[in-house]
């Protein structure tokens, strides 16, 4: 698993993921919590499976 998500995008994914997970505790318990978990995990590990399948890489070129 090579990282394919750059740092700025990772931070955004983590913040949005936490926000979506938090909505489950204060609002209706919809599918948003699961989407938040996926965003949080992909943000933490820096690898996005759909990006891999589609050949997208937002990391800086070396």
N, C-alpha and C. Protein backbone atom coordinates (compact mmCIF):
# COMPACT_ATOMS: atom_id res chain seq x y z
N UNK A 1 0.82 -1.17 0.00
CA UNK A 1 0.00 0.00 0.00
C UNK A 1 0.88 1.25 0.00
N UNK A 2 1.05 1.82 -1.13
CA UNK A 2 1.80 3.06 -1.26
C UNK A 2 0.85 4.22 -1.00
N UNK A 3 1.33 5.21 -0.26
CA UNK A 3 0.48 6.37 0.03
C UNK A 3 0.09 7.06 -1.26
N UNK A 4 -1.19 7.38 -1.39
CA UNK A 4 -1.65 8.08 -2.58
C UNK A 4 -2.51 9.30 -2.24
N UNK A 5 -2.47 9.73 -0.97
CA UNK A 5 -3.23 10.89 -0.51
C UNK A 5 -2.24 11.85 0.14
N UNK A 6 -2.22 13.10 -0.33
CA UNK A 6 -1.25 14.05 0.22
C UNK A 6 -1.68 14.54 1.60
N UNK A 7 -0.76 15.20 2.30
CA UNK A 7 -0.97 15.58 3.69
C UNK A 7 -2.15 16.52 3.89
N UNK A 8 -2.32 17.53 3.05
CA UNK A 8 -3.43 18.46 3.21
C UNK A 8 -4.77 17.73 3.08
N UNK A 9 -4.85 16.84 2.13
CA UNK A 9 -6.08 16.07 1.94
C UNK A 9 -6.32 15.12 3.11
N UNK A 10 -5.25 14.58 3.66
CA UNK A 10 -5.37 13.69 4.82
C UNK A 10 -5.97 14.44 6.00
N UNK A 11 -5.51 15.66 6.24
CA UNK A 11 -6.02 16.45 7.36
C UNK A 11 -7.51 16.74 7.16
N UNK A 12 -7.88 17.09 5.94
CA UNK A 12 -9.29 17.36 5.65
C UNK A 12 -10.13 16.11 5.86
N UNK A 13 -9.65 14.98 5.39
CA UNK A 13 -10.38 13.72 5.57
C UNK A 13 -10.56 13.39 7.05
N UNK A 14 -9.52 13.59 7.84
CA UNK A 14 -9.60 13.30 9.28
C UNK A 14 -10.62 14.21 9.95
N UNK A 15 -10.57 15.50 9.66
CA UNK A 15 -11.50 16.44 10.29
C UNK A 15 -12.95 16.17 9.87
N UNK A 16 -13.17 15.94 8.59
CA UNK A 16 -14.53 15.66 8.13
C UNK A 16 -15.02 14.32 8.69
N UNK A 17 -14.13 13.35 8.76
CA UNK A 17 -14.49 12.05 9.32
C UNK A 17 -14.91 12.16 10.77
N UNK A 18 -14.16 12.90 11.57
CA UNK A 18 -14.51 13.10 12.97
C UNK A 18 -15.84 13.83 13.09
N UNK A 19 -16.05 14.83 12.25
CA UNK A 19 -17.31 15.57 12.28
C UNK A 19 -18.50 14.67 11.94
N UNK A 20 -18.35 13.82 10.94
CA UNK A 20 -19.44 12.92 10.56
C UNK A 20 -19.71 11.88 11.65
N UNK A 21 -18.67 11.38 12.26
CA UNK A 21 -18.85 10.43 13.37
C UNK A 21 -19.55 11.12 14.53
N UNK A 22 -19.21 12.37 14.80
CA UNK A 22 -19.83 13.11 15.90
C UNK A 22 -21.32 13.34 15.65
N UNK A 23 -21.73 13.48 14.40
CA UNK A 23 -23.15 13.70 14.12
C UNK A 23 -24.00 12.51 14.54
N UNK A 24 -23.41 11.34 14.58
CA UNK A 24 -24.15 10.15 15.00
C UNK A 24 -24.56 10.26 16.47
N UNK A 25 -23.73 10.92 17.28
CA UNK A 25 -24.01 11.02 18.71
C UNK A 25 -24.97 12.16 19.05
N UNK A 26 -25.06 13.17 18.20
CA UNK A 26 -25.91 14.32 18.51
C UNK A 26 -27.14 14.41 17.61
N UNK A 27 -27.17 13.66 16.57
CA UNK A 27 -28.29 13.74 15.63
C UNK A 27 -28.78 12.36 15.26
N UNK A 28 -29.43 12.28 14.12
CA UNK A 28 -29.94 10.98 13.67
C UNK A 28 -28.79 10.02 13.34
N UNK A 29 -29.00 8.77 13.63
CA UNK A 29 -27.96 7.77 13.41
C UNK A 29 -28.10 7.17 12.02
N UNK A 30 -27.57 7.88 11.06
CA UNK A 30 -27.64 7.46 9.68
C UNK A 30 -26.33 6.83 9.24
N UNK A 31 -26.21 6.67 7.97
CA UNK A 31 -25.03 6.08 7.36
C UNK A 31 -23.82 7.03 7.43
N UNK A 32 -24.05 8.29 7.81
CA UNK A 32 -22.96 9.27 7.87
C UNK A 32 -21.84 8.83 8.81
N UNK A 33 -22.18 8.15 9.85
CA UNK A 33 -21.15 7.66 10.78
C UNK A 33 -20.19 6.69 10.11
N UNK A 34 -20.73 5.81 9.28
CA UNK A 34 -19.87 4.85 8.57
C UNK A 34 -19.00 5.55 7.53
N UNK A 35 -19.58 6.54 6.86
CA UNK A 35 -18.78 7.31 5.91
C UNK A 35 -17.67 8.04 6.64
N UNK A 36 -17.97 8.55 7.83
CA UNK A 36 -16.97 9.21 8.66
C UNK A 36 -15.85 8.27 9.05
N UNK A 37 -16.18 7.03 9.36
CA UNK A 37 -15.16 6.04 9.73
C UNK A 37 -14.24 5.78 8.54
N UNK A 38 -14.80 5.65 7.35
CA UNK A 38 -13.99 5.41 6.15
C UNK A 38 -13.06 6.59 5.90
N UNK A 39 -13.60 7.82 5.99
CA UNK A 39 -12.76 9.00 5.78
C UNK A 39 -11.66 9.10 6.82
N UNK A 40 -12.00 8.81 8.08
CA UNK A 40 -11.01 8.86 9.14
C UNK A 40 -9.89 7.85 8.90
N UNK A 41 -10.25 6.63 8.54
CA UNK A 41 -9.23 5.60 8.30
C UNK A 41 -8.35 5.92 7.10
N UNK A 42 -8.94 6.36 6.01
CA UNK A 42 -8.13 6.68 4.84
C UNK A 42 -7.24 7.89 5.11
N UNK A 43 -7.72 8.80 5.94
CA UNK A 43 -6.89 9.95 6.32
C UNK A 43 -5.74 9.55 7.21
N UNK A 44 -5.98 8.62 8.12
CA UNK A 44 -4.92 8.20 9.03
C UNK A 44 -3.84 7.38 8.34
N UNK A 45 -4.24 6.49 7.43
CA UNK A 45 -3.23 5.64 6.78
C UNK A 45 -2.66 6.27 5.51
N UNK A 46 -3.35 7.27 4.93
CA UNK A 46 -2.83 7.95 3.75
C UNK A 46 -2.99 7.18 2.45
N UNK A 47 -3.87 6.19 2.45
CA UNK A 47 -4.08 5.38 1.26
C UNK A 47 -5.58 5.24 1.02
N UNK A 48 -6.02 5.52 -0.20
CA UNK A 48 -7.42 5.46 -0.57
C UNK A 48 -7.61 4.39 -1.65
N UNK A 49 -8.35 3.31 -1.35
CA UNK A 49 -8.53 2.25 -2.34
C UNK A 49 -9.14 2.72 -3.67
N UNK A 50 -10.19 3.57 -3.67
CA UNK A 50 -10.70 4.03 -4.98
C UNK A 50 -9.66 4.80 -5.78
N UNK A 51 -8.82 5.58 -5.09
CA UNK A 51 -7.74 6.26 -5.80
C UNK A 51 -6.81 5.24 -6.47
N UNK A 52 -6.51 4.17 -5.77
CA UNK A 52 -5.63 3.13 -6.31
C UNK A 52 -6.25 2.51 -7.56
N UNK A 53 -7.55 2.20 -7.49
CA UNK A 53 -8.24 1.58 -8.63
C UNK A 53 -8.28 2.52 -9.83
N UNK A 54 -8.52 3.80 -9.57
CA UNK A 54 -8.64 4.78 -10.65
C UNK A 54 -7.29 5.36 -11.10
N UNK A 55 -6.22 5.00 -10.41
CA UNK A 55 -4.90 5.49 -10.78
C UNK A 55 -4.62 6.93 -10.38
N UNK A 56 -5.33 7.41 -9.36
CA UNK A 56 -5.16 8.77 -8.88
C UNK A 56 -4.13 8.79 -7.78
N UNK A 57 -3.24 9.78 -7.82
CA UNK A 57 -2.23 9.95 -6.78
C UNK A 57 -2.06 11.44 -6.54
N UNK A 58 -2.45 11.92 -5.35
CA UNK A 58 -2.34 13.34 -5.06
C UNK A 58 -1.07 13.68 -4.30
N UNK A 59 -0.24 12.68 -4.04
CA UNK A 59 1.04 12.94 -3.37
C UNK A 59 1.98 13.67 -4.33
N UNK A 60 2.91 14.42 -3.75
CA UNK A 60 3.88 15.14 -4.56
C UNK A 60 4.78 14.15 -5.31
N UNK A 61 5.09 14.49 -6.52
CA UNK A 61 6.00 13.65 -7.31
C UNK A 61 7.41 13.80 -6.78
N UNK A 62 8.14 12.69 -6.73
CA UNK A 62 9.52 12.72 -6.25
C UNK A 62 10.48 12.78 -7.41
